[in-house]
Amino acid sequence: MPGSRPIRLTKIGDADSQDFEKGDSTQTSSSATIYKSDQQAQDAISEAAAGMSGTAAEGCFQDVVEKAARGEKGFKLGDVDIGELKFTPPDVDEAKAWQIVIPLEVTSGALKGLSPDVYIELTALREGDTVASVFTEDVLSEFDPALRNQLVQTVAGRMSGAS
């Protein structure tokens, strides 16, 4: 909420997976964070959900993407769109997912006129005091939903096995 104080969270452990790629445009990774308590993990996922909603989040991502693309030639960025991602939630205490779509337009070179979209998907899972995230990215089309579901289920299974 605007004007509210940020929640103080105590991380007691975290881990990041390797980045996995398929071809030139498809990639995925995951991360997990263990908090001091179940309540802190619940607060962390609630804070993330609040941060991913509304035009402020879209504006923030727009700024980040524009800054990263500054100085790059040959394409133009469109307006970033963030929405909830429909997915099959695994059997964990809490699961949320979002999709970020970044439209591009190629303005020069052999691909001039092509208008690909970049799809970034974030799935957040909570089991007890642990929050895990699965990130996927693809260009031209959304990440394969069946593969994303398999990855999310695998991460959820590891979380349940660790508790």
Foldseek 3Di string as FASTA:
>chain_A
DPPDDQDDWAWPDKDKADWDDDPDFKIKIKMKTFTPWLVRQVSVVVVVVVCQDDPVNQVVVVVVVCVVCVPPDFKDKDGKDKDWDDADADPAPDKTKMKIKIWMAGCDDPRHGDIKIKIWMWMWGDHIRMIMIMIIIGIRDYDPRVVVRVVNNVVVVVVVVVD
